Amino acid sequence: MPQRTEITPVRAFHLCEVAELRGQFDMIFLLVKAYDTRWAVELVKPLLAHDGVVIGLQNGMTIDDVASIVGRRRTIGAVIEMASNMWEPGIVNRQNAPENCWFAVGALDPADRDRAEEVRELLQHAGTVDISQDIRSSKWMKLVANAGELAPSAILDLPLAEAADLPGVRHFMNECGREAAEAALADGCRLVPIMKLDEVDADAANYAARLLGTVLRDYSFPDTLTTVLQDWRKGRRAETEDINGYIADVLRRRGHIARFNEHTRTLARLIEAGELDAGPHNITRLLSLEDLSVGARHPHRVQASTP
């Protein structure tokens, strides 16, 4: 962490040893990739106390997957914002100290608010923790932030701040966030404050731009790499389908095209298939969209705008 190192002894178990564990747990924190949620929850379900809870500290809308396996009353949603990386097993480099990290937790059922309070007591050791009265909306707002920052900067193989400073890229990121905010509204959720924002702009575009600005100003450093880029540099599949793909699918089901998120998803698929290398050379390709609306196939060029 900045200016200090903490060493915390832990008892680590291999996945194959989970079936050997005895006893049950009151709280299970889930930190796997969004696409690993369902099997991971099934794996630990036998170890969850009858009145225990699973807390999904993940990107994406995993809250419904968790609830479908352990039940709504044993599900606590969570949102997290910090900058960190891990290149060696067991060694986490946190770029934000606990006093500069933020969480929100919330229950799906208002009657279970007390359980969220219990989770907050534990998480307060890791950062500032708010209780969300509408955790589904709060998790959607994290998608608004993630849509523009994670994959677009990774496609360019650049730290987030450096990518956002390139002509046209900040605008592209904001447009990804705008589509995410519109998808949240279409999904029945609200634009709500997260990451210590004290107020919410009712306009989807303004909200997305302001949220990305908060991420860049308060939670990023010049060398901060997004989780998508870290995954790709490790040779791993990233969560673009659970972020940009999810947004695009929600809007598509409602008859709309999320052109910026669809485009991001397409480029990410090419990179993960080994048909395209991530790198700054992709900037022209990133900023050149094909209009995906029905009957329209003309190229659309994103214009640079002032951040």
C-alpha atoms as a PDB file:
ATOM      1  CA  MET A   1       0.000   0.000   0.000  1.00  0.00           C
ATOM      2  CA  PRO A   2       1.115   3.599  -0.324  1.00  0.00           C
ATOM      3  CA  GLN A   3       3.695   4.324   2.373  1.00  0.00           C
ATOM      4  CA  ARG A   4       3.218   1.058   4.256  1.00  0.00           C
ATOM      5  CA  THR A   5       3.199  -2.712   3.969  1.00  0.00           C
ATOM      6  CA  GLU A   6       0.865  -5.021   5.843  1.00  0.00           C
ATOM      7  CA  ILE A   7       1.427  -8.757   6.227  1.00  0.00           C
ATOM      8  CA  THR A   8      -1.668 -10.779   7.075  1.00  0.00           C
ATOM      9  CA  PRO A   9      -1.257 -14.515   7.766  1.00  0.00           C
ATOM     10  CA  VAL A  10      -4.034 -16.535   6.140  1.00  0.00           C
ATOM     11  CA  ARG A  11      -4.991 -20.195   5.880  1.00  0.00           C
ATOM     12  CA  ALA A  12      -5.211 -20.822   2.176  1.00  0.00           C
ATOM     13  CA  PHE A  13      -6.913 -23.883   0.712  1.00  0.00           C
ATOM     14  CA  HIS A  14      -6.832 -25.312  -2.773  1.00  0.00           C
ATOM     15  CA  LEU A  15     -10.165 -25.530  -4.588  1.00  0.00           C
ATOM     16  CA  CYS A  16      -9.954 -29.302  -4.334  1.00  0.00           C
ATOM     17  CA  GLU A  17      -9.784 -29.015  -0.546  1.00  0.00           C
ATOM     18  CA  VAL A  18     -13.098 -27.175  -0.210  1.00  0.00           C
ATOM     19  CA  ALA A  19     -14.954 -30.500  -0.118  1.00  0.00           C
ATOM     20  CA  GLU A  20     -12.793 -31.497   2.850  1.00  0.00           C
ATOM     21  CA  LEU A  21     -13.766 -28.511   4.996  1.00  0.00           C
ATOM     22  CA  ARG A  22     -16.080 -29.056   7.951  1.00  0.00           C
ATOM     23  CA  GLY A  23     -18.253 -26.538   9.738  1.00  0.00           C
ATOM     24  CA  GLN A  24     -20.185 -23.624   8.280  1.00  0.00           C
ATOM     25  CA  PHE A  25     -19.570 -19.941   7.709  1.00  0.00           C
ATOM     26  CA  ASP A  26     -21.719 -16.940   8.612  1.00  0.00           C
ATOM     27  CA  MET A  27     -20.241 -14.840   5.798  1.00  0.00           C
ATOM     28  CA  ILE A  28     -18.567 -15.842   2.565  1.00  0.00           C
ATOM     29  CA  PHE A  29     -16.933 -13.116   0.472  1.00  0.00           C
ATOM     30  CA  LEU A  30     -16.895 -13.915  -3.229  1.00  0.00           C
ATOM     31  CA  LEU A  31     -13.977 -12.391  -5.160  1.00  0.00           C
ATOM     32  CA  VAL A  32     -13.806 -14.560  -8.270  1.00  0.00           C
ATOM     33  CA  LYS A  33     -14.290 -13.228 -11.796  1.00  0.00           C
ATOM     34  CA  ALA A  34     -17.886 -12.459 -12.690  1.00  0.00           C
ATOM     35  CA  TYR A  35     -17.983 -15.340 -15.173  1.00  0.00           C
ATOM     36  CA  ASP A  36     -16.961 -17.775 -12.420  1.00  0.00           C
ATOM     37  CA  THR A  37     -19.766 -16.769 -10.064  1.00  0.00           C
ATOM     38  CA  ARG A  38     -22.233 -19.606 -10.508  1.00  0.00           C
ATOM     39  CA  TRP A  39     -19.882 -22.548 -10.046  1.00  0.00           C
ATOM     40  CA  ALA A  40     -18.055 -20.806  -7.195  1.00  0.00           C
ATOM     41  CA  VAL A  41     -21.285 -20.213  -5.264  1.00  0.00           C
ATOM     42  CA  GLU A  42     -22.383 -23.800  -5.839  1.00  0.00           C
ATOM     43  CA  LEU A  43     -18.993 -24.903  -4.510  1.00  0.00           C
ATOM     44  CA  VAL A  44     -19.330 -23.027  -1.220  1.00  0.00           C
ATOM     45  CA  LYS A  45     -23.092 -23.380  -0.765  1.00  0.00           C
ATOM     46  CA  PRO A  46     -22.776 -26.482   1.476  1.00  0.00           C
ATOM     47  CA  LEU A  47     -20.506 -24.470   3.783  1.00  0.00           C
ATOM     48  CA  LEU A  48     -22.907 -21.538   4.198  1.00  0.00           C
ATOM     49  CA  ALA A  49     -24.821 -21.428   7.484  1.00  0.00           C
ATOM     50  CA  HIS A  50     -28.610 -21.511   7.177  1.00  0.00           C
ATOM     51  CA  ASP A  51     -28.687 -17.841   8.172  1.00  0.00           C
ATOM     52  CA  GLY A  52     -25.333 -16.981   6.553  1.00  0.00           C
ATOM     53  CA  VAL A  53     -24.786 -14.628   3.623  1.00  0.00           C
ATOM     54  CA  VAL A  54     -22.706 -14.574   0.445  1.00  0.00           C
ATOM     55  CA  ILE A  55     -21.223 -11.173  -0.426  1.00  0.00           C
ATOM     56  CA  GLY A  56     -20.267 -10.685  -4.058  1.00  0.00           C
ATOM     57  CA  LEU A  57     -17.343  -8.225  -4.158  1.00  0.00           C
ATOM     58  CA  GLN A  58     -17.196  -8.344  -7.940  1.00  0.00           C
ATOM     59  CA  ASN A  59     -17.709  -6.413 -11.128  1.00  0.00           C
ATOM     60  CA  GLY A  60     -20.870  -7.078 -13.095  1.00  0.00           C
ATOM     61  CA  MET A  61     -24.445  -7.844 -12.074  1.00  0.00           C
ATOM     62  CA  THR A  62     -23.622 -11.077 -10.252  1.00  0.00           C
ATOM     63  CA  ILE A  63     -26.147 -10.447  -7.520  1.00  0.00           C
ATOM     64  CA  ASP A  64     -28.903 -12.342  -9.344  1.00  0.00           C
ATOM     65  CA  ASP A  65     -26.682 -15.374  -9.956  1.00  0.00           C
ATOM     66  CA  VAL A  66     -25.817 -15.547  -6.262  1.00  0.00           C
ATOM     67  CA  ALA A  67     -29.462 -15.158  -5.204  1.00  0.00           C
ATOM     68  CA  SER A  68     -30.617 -17.872  -7.614  1.00  0.00           C
ATOM     69  CA  ILE A  69     -28.345 -20.361  -5.826  1.00  0.00           C
ATOM     70  CA  VAL A  70     -28.438 -19.447  -2.125  1.00  0.00           C
ATOM     71  CA  GLY A  71     -31.646 -17.370  -2.062  1.00  0.00           C
ATOM     72  CA  ARG A  72     -32.385 -13.641  -1.874  1.00  0.00           C
ATOM     73  CA  ARG A  73     -32.213 -13.477   1.916  1.00  0.00           C
ATOM     74  CA  ARG A  74     -28.737 -14.982   1.959  1.00  0.00           C
ATOM     75  CA  THR A  75     -27.385 -12.606  -0.703  1.00  0.00           C
ATOM     76  CA  ILE A  76     -25.645  -9.288  -0.030  1.00  0.00           C
ATOM     77  CA  GLY A  77     -24.668  -7.171  -2.999  1.00  0.00           C
ATOM     78  CA  ALA A  78     -21.528  -5.079  -2.901  1.00  0.00           C
ATOM     79  CA  VAL A  79     -19.771  -2.380  -4.917  1.00  0.00           C
ATOM     80  CA  ILE A  80     -16.058  -1.673  -4.592  1.00  0.00           C
ATOM     81  CA  GLU A  81     -13.761   1.056  -5.870  1.00  0.00           C
ATOM     82  CA  MET A  82     -10.001   0.917  -5.456  1.00  0.00           C
ATOM     83  CA  ALA A  83      -6.885   0.561  -7.591  1.00  0.00           C
ATOM     84  CA  SER A  84      -4.796  -2.559  -7.067  1.00  0.00           C
ATOM     85  CA  ASN A  85      -2.915  -5.299  -8.868  1.00  0.00           C
ATOM     86  CA  MET A  86      -1.536  -8.752  -8.155  1.00  0.00           C
ATOM     87  CA  TRP A  87       1.300 -10.195 -10.214  1.00  0.00           C
ATOM     88  CA  GLU A  88       2.473 -12.783  -7.663  1.00  0.00           C
ATOM     89  CA  PRO A  89       0.310 -15.182  -5.632  1.00  0.00           C
ATOM     90  CA  GLY A  90      -0.527 -13.739  -2.236  1.00  0.00           C
ATOM     91  CA  ILE A  91       1.038 -10.317  -2.876  1.00  0.00           C
ATOM     92  CA  VAL A  92      -1.511  -7.573  -3.497  1.00  0.00           C
ATOM     93  CA  ASN A  93      -0.325  -4.095  -4.439  1.00  0.00           C
ATOM     94  CA  ARG A  94      -2.989  -1.660  -3.269  1.00  0.00           C
ATOM     95  CA  GLN A  95      -2.570   1.780  -4.775  1.00  0.00           C
ATOM     96  CA  ASN A  96      -5.254   3.166  -2.463  1.00  0.00           C
ATOM     97  CA  ALA A  97      -4.865   2.904   1.292  1.00  0.00           C
ATOM     98  CA  PRO A  98      -8.023   1.858   3.209  1.00  0.00           C
ATOM     99  CA  GLU A  99      -8.872   5.467   4.001  1.00  0.00           C
ATOM    100  CA  ASN A 100      -9.057   6.138   0.252  1.00  0.00           C
ATOM    101  CA  CYS A 101     -11.087   3.059  -0.748  1.00  0.00           C
ATOM    102  CA  TRP A 102     -14.875   2.887  -0.978  1.00  0.00           C
ATOM    103  CA  PHE A 103     -17.476   0.133  -0.684  1.00  0.00           C
ATOM    104  CA  ALA A 104     -21.253  -0.052  -0.700  1.00  0.00           C
ATOM    105  CA  VAL A 105     -23.209  -3.052   0.553  1.00  0.00           C
ATOM    106  CA  GLY A 106     -26.895  -3.773   0.543  1.00  0.00           C
ATOM    107  CA  ALA A 107     -29.518  -6.491   0.865  1.00  0.00           C
ATOM    108  CA  LEU A 108     -31.997  -7.390  -1.848  1.00  0.00           C
ATOM    109  CA  ASP A 109     -34.772  -7.362   0.729  1.00  0.00           C
ATOM    110  CA  PRO A 110     -35.097  -4.275   2.984  1.00  0.00           C
ATOM    111  CA  ALA A 111     -35.988  -6.618   5.841  1.00  0.00           C
ATOM    112  CA  ASP A 112     -32.398  -7.896   5.762  1.00  0.00           C
ATOM    113  CA  ARG A 113     -30.738  -4.515   6.297  1.00  0.00           C
ATOM    114  CA  ASP A 114     -29.250  -5.765   9.582  1.00  0.00           C
ATOM    115  CA  ARG A 115     -27.190  -8.320   7.675  1.00  0.00           C
ATOM    116  CA  ALA A 116     -25.756  -5.555   5.503  1.00  0.00           C
ATOM    117  CA  GLU A 117     -24.795  -3.700   8.671  1.00  0.00           C
ATOM    118  CA  GLU A 118     -22.896  -6.772   9.872  1.00  0.00           C
ATOM    119  CA  VAL A 119     -21.007  -6.919   6.597  1.00  0.00           C
ATOM    120  CA  ARG A 120     -20.190  -3.228   6.840  1.00  0.00           C
ATOM    121  CA  GLU A 121     -18.596  -3.762  10.257  1.00  0.00           C
ATOM    122  CA  LEU A 122     -16.142  -6.225   8.734  1.00  0.00           C
ATOM    123  CA  LEU A 123     -15.410  -4.286   5.547  1.00  0.00           C
ATOM    124  CA  GLN A 124     -14.707  -1.070   7.455  1.00  0.00           C
ATOM    125  CA  HIS A 125     -11.224  -2.464   8.072  1.00  0.00           C
ATOM    126  CA  ALA A 126     -10.608  -2.212   4.328  1.00  0.00           C
ATOM    127  CA  GLY A 127     -12.177   1.151   3.494  1.00  0.00           C
ATOM    128  CA  THR A 128     -15.144   3.483   3.805  1.00  0.00           C
ATOM    129  CA  VAL A 129     -18.386   1.496   3.616  1.00  0.00           C
ATOM    130  CA  ASP A 130     -21.846   2.873   2.809  1.00  0.00           C
ATOM    131  CA  ILE A 131     -25.145   1.054   3.106  1.00  0.00           C
ATOM    132  CA  SER A 132     -27.057   1.117  -0.160  1.00  0.00           C
ATOM    133  CA  GLN A 133     -30.841   1.239   0.044  1.00  0.00           C
ATOM    134  CA  ASP A 134     -30.990   0.114  -3.602  1.00  0.00           C
ATOM    135  CA  ILE A 135     -28.072  -2.216  -4.151  1.00  0.00           C
ATOM    136  CA  ARG A 136     -29.197  -3.265  -7.623  1.00  0.00           C
ATOM    137  CA  SER A 137     -29.035   0.346  -8.809  1.00  0.00           C
ATOM    138  CA  SER A 138     -25.709   0.810  -7.038  1.00  0.00           C
ATOM    139  CA  LYS A 139     -24.224  -2.174  -8.851  1.00  0.00           C
ATOM    140  CA  TRP A 140     -25.528  -0.821 -12.156  1.00  0.00           C
ATOM    141  CA  MET A 141     -23.747   2.474 -11.421  1.00  0.00           C
ATOM    142  CA  LYS A 142     -20.476   0.575 -11.043  1.00  0.00           C
ATOM    143  CA  LEU A 143     -21.171  -0.843 -14.502  1.00  0.00           C
ATOM    144  CA  VAL A 144     -21.521   2.744 -15.729  1.00  0.00           C
ATOM    145  CA  ALA A 145     -17.996   3.438 -14.483  1.00  0.00           C
ATOM    146  CA  ASN A 146     -16.531   0.133 -15.659  1.00  0.00           C
ATOM    147  CA  ALA A 147     -17.996   0.304 -19.159  1.00  0.00           C
ATOM    148  CA  GLY A 148     -15.809   3.196 -20.222  1.00  0.00           C
ATOM    149  CA  GLU A 149     -12.656   2.625 -18.239  1.00  0.00           C
ATOM    150  CA  LEU A 150     -11.837  -1.091 -18.228  1.00  0.00           C
ATOM    151  CA  ALA A 151     -11.821  -2.496 -21.759  1.00  0.00           C
ATOM    152  CA  PRO A 152     -11.236   0.661 -23.857  1.00  0.00           C
ATOM    153  CA  SER A 153      -7.951   1.423 -22.080  1.00  0.00           C
ATOM    154  CA  ALA A 154      -6.980  -2.265 -22.204  1.00  0.00           C
ATOM    155  CA  ILE A 155      -7.578  -2.406 -25.971  1.00  0.00           C
ATOM    156  CA  LEU A 156      -4.911   0.294 -26.209  1.00  0.00           C
ATOM    157  CA  ASP A 157      -2.666  -1.600 -23.746  1.00  0.00           C
ATOM    158  CA  LEU A 158      -2.227   1.601 -21.730  1.00  0.00           C
ATOM    159  CA  PRO A 159      -2.711   2.719 -18.143  1.00  0.00           C
ATOM    160  CA  LEU A 160      -6.180   4.178 -17.650  1.00  0.00           C
ATOM    161  CA  ALA A 161      -5.098   7.806 -17.206  1.00  0.00           C
ATOM    162  CA  GLU A 162      -2.788   7.714 -20.236  1.00  0.00           C
ATOM    163  CA  ALA A 163      -5.486   6.216 -22.443  1.00  0.00           C
ATOM    164  CA  ALA A 164      -8.082   8.764 -21.289  1.00  0.00           C
ATOM    165  CA  ASP A 165      -5.747  11.621 -22.247  1.00  0.00           C
ATOM    166  CA  LEU A 166      -5.541  10.558 -25.905  1.00  0.00           C
ATOM    167  CA  PRO A 167      -7.652  12.631 -28.335  1.00  0.00           C
ATOM    168  CA  GLY A 168     -11.136  11.177 -28.663  1.00  0.00           C
ATOM    169  CA  VAL A 169     -10.704   8.397 -26.099  1.00  0.00           C
ATOM    170  CA  ARG A 170     -12.212  10.230 -23.130  1.00  0.00           C
ATOM    171  CA  HIS A 171     -15.271  10.953 -25.256  1.00  0.00           C
ATOM    172  CA  PHE A 172     -15.487   7.291 -26.285  1.00  0.00           C
ATOM    173  CA  MET A 173     -15.284   6.235 -22.624  1.00  0.00           C
ATOM    174  CA  ASN A 174     -18.026   8.690 -21.677  1.00  0.00           C
ATOM    175  CA  GLU A 175     -20.259   7.325 -24.420  1.00  0.00           C
ATOM    176  CA  CYS A 176     -19.798   3.769 -23.133  1.00  0.00           C
ATOM    177  CA  GLY A 177     -20.845   5.023 -19.706  1.00  0.00           C
ATOM    178  CA  ARG A 178     -23.821   6.895 -21.112  1.00  0.00           C
ATOM    179  CA  GLU A 179     -25.113   3.744 -22.765  1.00  0.00           C
ATOM    180  CA  ALA A 180     -24.640   1.869 -19.492  1.00  0.00           C
ATOM    181  CA  ALA A 181     -26.647   4.493 -17.609  1.00  0.00           C
ATOM    182  CA  GLU A 182     -29.405   4.256 -20.216  1.00  0.00           C
ATOM    183  CA  ALA A 183     -29.359   0.462 -19.875  1.00  0.00           C
ATOM    184  CA  ALA A 184     -29.717   0.778 -16.103  1.00  0.00           C
ATOM    185  CA  LEU A 185     -32.764   2.997 -16.514  1.00  0.00           C
ATOM    186  CA  ALA A 186     -34.219   0.609 -19.103  1.00  0.00           C
ATOM    187  CA  ASP A 187     -33.667  -2.226 -16.616  1.00  0.00           C
ATOM    188  CA  GLY A 188     -35.810  -0.461 -14.024  1.00  0.00           C
ATOM    189  CA  CYS A 189     -33.001   0.966 -11.913  1.00  0.00           C
ATOM    190  CA  ARG A 190     -32.147   4.534 -10.921  1.00  0.00           C
ATOM    191  CA  LEU A 191     -29.101   6.763 -11.224  1.00  0.00           C
ATOM    192  CA  VAL A 192     -27.817   6.818  -7.648  1.00  0.00           C
ATOM    193  CA  PRO A 193     -24.686   8.255  -6.018  1.00  0.00           C
ATOM    194  CA  ILE A 194     -21.699   5.952  -5.572  1.00  0.00           C
ATOM    195  CA  MET A 195     -18.011   6.535  -4.812  1.00  0.00           C
ATOM    196  CA  LYS A 196     -18.859   9.308  -2.346  1.00  0.00           C
ATOM    197  CA  LEU A 197     -20.707  11.437  -4.908  1.00  0.00           C
ATOM    198  CA  ASP A 198     -22.977  13.752  -2.967  1.00  0.00           C
ATOM    199  CA  GLU A 199     -25.551  14.282  -5.719  1.00  0.00           C
ATOM    200  CA  VAL A 200     -26.756  12.700  -8.942  1.00  0.00           C
ATOM    201  CA  ASP A 201     -27.264  14.289 -12.338  1.00  0.00           C
ATOM    202  CA  ALA A 202     -30.544  13.053 -13.840  1.00  0.00           C
ATOM    203  CA  ASP A 203     -29.035  13.128 -17.342  1.00  0.00           C
ATOM    204  CA  ALA A 204     -27.383   9.819 -18.272  1.00  0.00           C
ATOM    205  CA  ALA A 205     -24.567  11.438 -20.277  1.00  0.00           C
ATOM    206  CA  ASN A 206     -23.701  13.943 -17.560  1.00  0.00           C
ATOM    207  CA  TYR A 207     -23.838  11.299 -14.858  1.00  0.00           C
ATOM    208  CA  ALA A 208     -21.510   8.968 -16.769  1.00  0.00           C
ATOM    209  CA  ALA A 209     -18.996  11.731 -17.508  1.00  0.00           C
ATOM    210  CA  ARG A 210     -18.952  12.863 -13.902  1.00  0.00           C
ATOM    211  CA  LEU A 211     -18.514   9.314 -12.604  1.00  0.00           C
ATOM    212  CA  LEU A 212     -15.581   8.635 -14.927  1.00  0.00           C
ATOM    213  CA  GLY A 213     -14.043  11.926 -13.828  1.00  0.00           C
ATOM    214  CA  THR A 214     -14.310  10.785 -10.213  1.00  0.00           C
ATOM    215  CA  VAL A 215     -12.568   7.494 -11.013  1.00  0.00           C
ATOM    216  CA  LEU A 216      -9.732   9.268 -12.805  1.00  0.00           C
ATOM    217  CA  ARG A 217      -9.315  11.940 -10.147  1.00  0.00           C
ATOM    218  CA  ASP A 218      -9.786  10.001  -6.898  1.00  0.00           C
ATOM    219  CA  TYR A 219      -9.080   6.329  -7.582  1.00  0.00           C
ATOM    220  CA  SER A 220      -6.428   6.217 -10.308  1.00  0.00           C
ATOM    221  CA  PHE A 221      -2.733   6.909 -10.639  1.00  0.00           C
ATOM    222  CA  PRO A 222      -0.540   7.438 -13.726  1.00  0.00           C
ATOM    223  CA  ASP A 223       0.416   3.735 -13.739  1.00  0.00           C
ATOM    224  CA  THR A 224      -2.981   2.257 -12.817  1.00  0.00           C
ATOM    225  CA  LEU A 225      -3.870  -0.669 -15.090  1.00  0.00           C
ATOM    226  CA  THR A 226      -7.484  -1.769 -15.298  1.00  0.00           C
ATOM    227  CA  THR A 227      -8.486  -5.294 -14.369  1.00  0.00           C
ATOM    228  CA  VAL A 228      -9.131  -6.139 -18.038  1.00  0.00           C
ATOM    229  CA  LEU A 229      -5.593  -5.176 -19.047  1.00  0.00           C
ATOM    230  CA  GLN A 230      -4.127  -7.068 -16.088  1.00  0.00           C
ATOM    231  CA  ASP A 231      -6.049 -10.166 -17.160  1.00  0.00           C
ATOM    232  CA  TRP A 232      -4.860  -9.899 -20.747  1.00  0.00           C
ATOM    233  CA  ARG A 233      -1.245  -9.418 -19.740  1.00  0.00           C
ATOM    234  CA  LYS A 234      -1.569 -12.594 -17.657  1.00  0.00           C
ATOM    235  CA  GLY A 235      -3.061 -14.444 -20.616  1.00  0.00           C
ATOM    236  CA  ARG A 236      -6.472 -14.662 -18.937  1.00  0.00           C
ATOM    237  CA  ARG A 237      -9.974 -14.065 -20.240  1.00  0.00           C
ATOM    238  CA  ALA A 238     -11.373 -10.752 -18.983  1.00  0.00           C
ATOM    239  CA  GLU A 239     -14.887  -9.740 -17.924  1.00  0.00           C
ATOM    240  CA  THR A 240     -15.878  -7.751 -21.002  1.00  0.00           C
ATOM    241  CA  GLU A 241     -18.879  -9.998 -21.698  1.00  0.00           C
ATOM    242  CA  ASP A 242     -20.119  -9.360 -18.152  1.00  0.00           C
ATOM    243  CA  ILE A 243     -19.657  -5.600 -18.510  1.00  0.00           C
ATOM    244  CA  ASN A 244     -19.813  -4.199 -22.052  1.00  0.00           C
ATOM    245  CA  GLY A 245     -21.575  -7.305 -23.330  1.00  0.00           C
ATOM    246  CA  TYR A 246     -24.154  -7.226 -20.541  1.00  0.00           C
ATOM    247  CA  ILE A 247     -24.958  -3.585 -21.249  1.00  0.00           C
ATOM    248  CA  ALA A 248     -25.318  -4.238 -24.964  1.00  0.00           C
ATOM    249  CA  ASP A 249     -27.575  -7.231 -24.365  1.00  0.00           C
ATOM    250  CA  VAL A 250     -29.883  -5.337 -21.986  1.00  0.00           C
ATOM    251  CA  LEU A 251     -30.397  -2.529 -24.506  1.00  0.00           C
ATOM    252  CA  ARG A 252     -30.735  -4.938 -27.435  1.00  0.00           C
ATOM    253  CA  ARG A 253     -33.570  -6.794 -25.681  1.00  0.00           C
ATOM    254  CA  ARG A 254     -35.365  -3.464 -25.492  1.00  0.00           C
ATOM    255  CA  GLY A 255     -34.856  -2.665 -29.148  1.00  0.00           C
ATOM    256  CA  HIS A 256     -31.856  -0.359 -28.805  1.00  0.00           C
ATOM    257  CA  ILE A 257     -28.255  -0.614 -29.992  1.00  0.00           C
ATOM    258  CA  ALA A 258     -25.394   0.142 -27.603  1.00  0.00           C
ATOM    259  CA  ARG A 259     -22.950   1.015 -30.384  1.00  0.00           C
ATOM    260  CA  PHE A 260     -19.999   1.961 -28.200  1.00  0.00           C
ATOM    261  CA  ASN A 261     -20.292  -1.071 -25.919  1.00  0.00           C
ATOM    262  CA  GLU A 262     -20.966  -3.424 -28.846  1.00  0.00           C
ATOM    263  CA  HIS A 263     -17.858  -2.078 -30.564  1.00  0.00           C
ATOM    264  CA  THR A 264     -15.793  -2.506 -27.400  1.00  0.00           C
ATOM    265  CA  ARG A 265     -17.070  -6.059 -27.010  1.00  0.00           C
ATOM    266  CA  THR A 266     -16.162  -6.867 -30.626  1.00  0.00           C
ATOM    267  CA  LEU A 267     -12.579  -5.619 -30.277  1.00  0.00           C
ATOM    268  CA  ALA A 268     -12.167  -7.439 -26.955  1.00  0.00           C
ATOM    269  CA  ARG A 269     -13.329 -10.669 -28.562  1.00  0.00           C
ATOM    270  CA  LEU A 270     -10.770 -10.254 -31.341  1.00  0.00           C
ATOM    271  CA  ILE A 271      -7.993  -9.720 -28.798  1.00  0.00           C
ATOM    272  CA  GLU A 272      -8.992 -12.735 -26.715  1.00  0.00           C
ATOM    273  CA  ALA A 273      -9.222 -14.868 -29.873  1.00  0.00           C
ATOM    274  CA  GLY A 274      -5.648 -13.911 -30.773  1.00  0.00           C
ATOM    275  CA  GLU A 275      -6.758 -12.132 -33.945  1.00  0.00           C
ATOM    276  CA  LEU A 276      -5.777  -8.658 -32.709  1.00  0.00           C
ATOM    277  CA  ASP A 277      -2.973  -7.487 -30.440  1.00  0.00           C
ATOM    278  CA  ALA A 278      -3.776  -4.923 -27.783  1.00  0.00           C
ATOM    279  CA  GLY A 279      -1.783  -1.736 -28.234  1.00  0.00           C
ATOM    280  CA  PRO A 280      -1.865   2.011 -28.941  1.00  0.00           C
ATOM    281  CA  HIS A 281      -2.036   1.215 -32.657  1.00  0.00           C
ATOM    282  CA  ASN A 282      -5.700   0.298 -32.068  1.00  0.00           C
ATOM    283  CA  ILE A 283      -6.770   3.894 -31.411  1.00  0.00           C
ATOM    284  CA  THR A 284      -8.034   4.460 -34.966  1.00  0.00           C
ATOM    285  CA  ARG A 285      -9.917   1.186 -34.880  1.00  0.00           C
ATOM    286  CA  LEU A 286     -11.347   1.957 -31.428  1.00  0.00           C
ATOM    287  CA  LEU A 287     -12.630   5.363 -32.465  1.00  0.00           C
ATOM    288  CA  SER A 288     -14.062   4.187 -35.783  1.00  0.00           C
ATOM    289  CA  LEU A 289     -17.443   2.609 -35.178  1.00  0.00           C
ATOM    290  CA  GLU A 290     -19.724   0.904 -37.633  1.00  0.00           C
ATOM    291  CA  ASP A 291     -23.323   2.008 -37.199  1.00  0.00           C
ATOM    292  CA  LEU A 292     -25.060  -1.107 -35.872  1.00  0.00           C
ATOM    293  CA  SER A 293     -28.619   0.130 -36.281  1.00  0.00           C
ATOM    294  CA  VAL A 294     -30.920  -1.850 -38.560  1.00  0.00           C
ATOM    295  CA  GLY A 295     -30.444  -0.916 -42.191  1.00  0.00           C
ATOM    296  CA  ALA A 296     -27.484   1.388 -41.569  1.00  0.00           C
ATOM    297  CA  ARG A 297     -23.941   0.254 -42.328  1.00  0.00           C
ATOM    298  CA  HIS A 298     -21.963   3.447 -42.760  1.00  0.00           C
ATOM    299  CA  PRO A 299     -18.822   4.162 -40.691  1.00  0.00           C
ATOM    300  CA  HIS A 300     -19.156   6.559 -37.803  1.00  0.00           C
ATOM    301  CA  ARG A 301     -16.151   8.450 -36.550  1.00  0.00           C
ATOM    302  CA  VAL A 302     -15.958   9.561 -32.929  1.00  0.00           C
ATOM    303  CA  GLN A 303     -14.836  13.178 -32.677  1.00  0.00           C
ATOM    304  CA  ALA A 304     -12.427  14.323 -30.010  1.00  0.00           C
ATOM    305  CA  SER A 305     -13.962  16.387 -27.250  1.00  0.00           C
ATOM    306  CA  THR A 306     -12.715  18.239 -24.220  1.00  0.00           C
ATOM    307  CA  PRO A 307     -12.666  15.989 -21.098  1.00  0.00           C
END
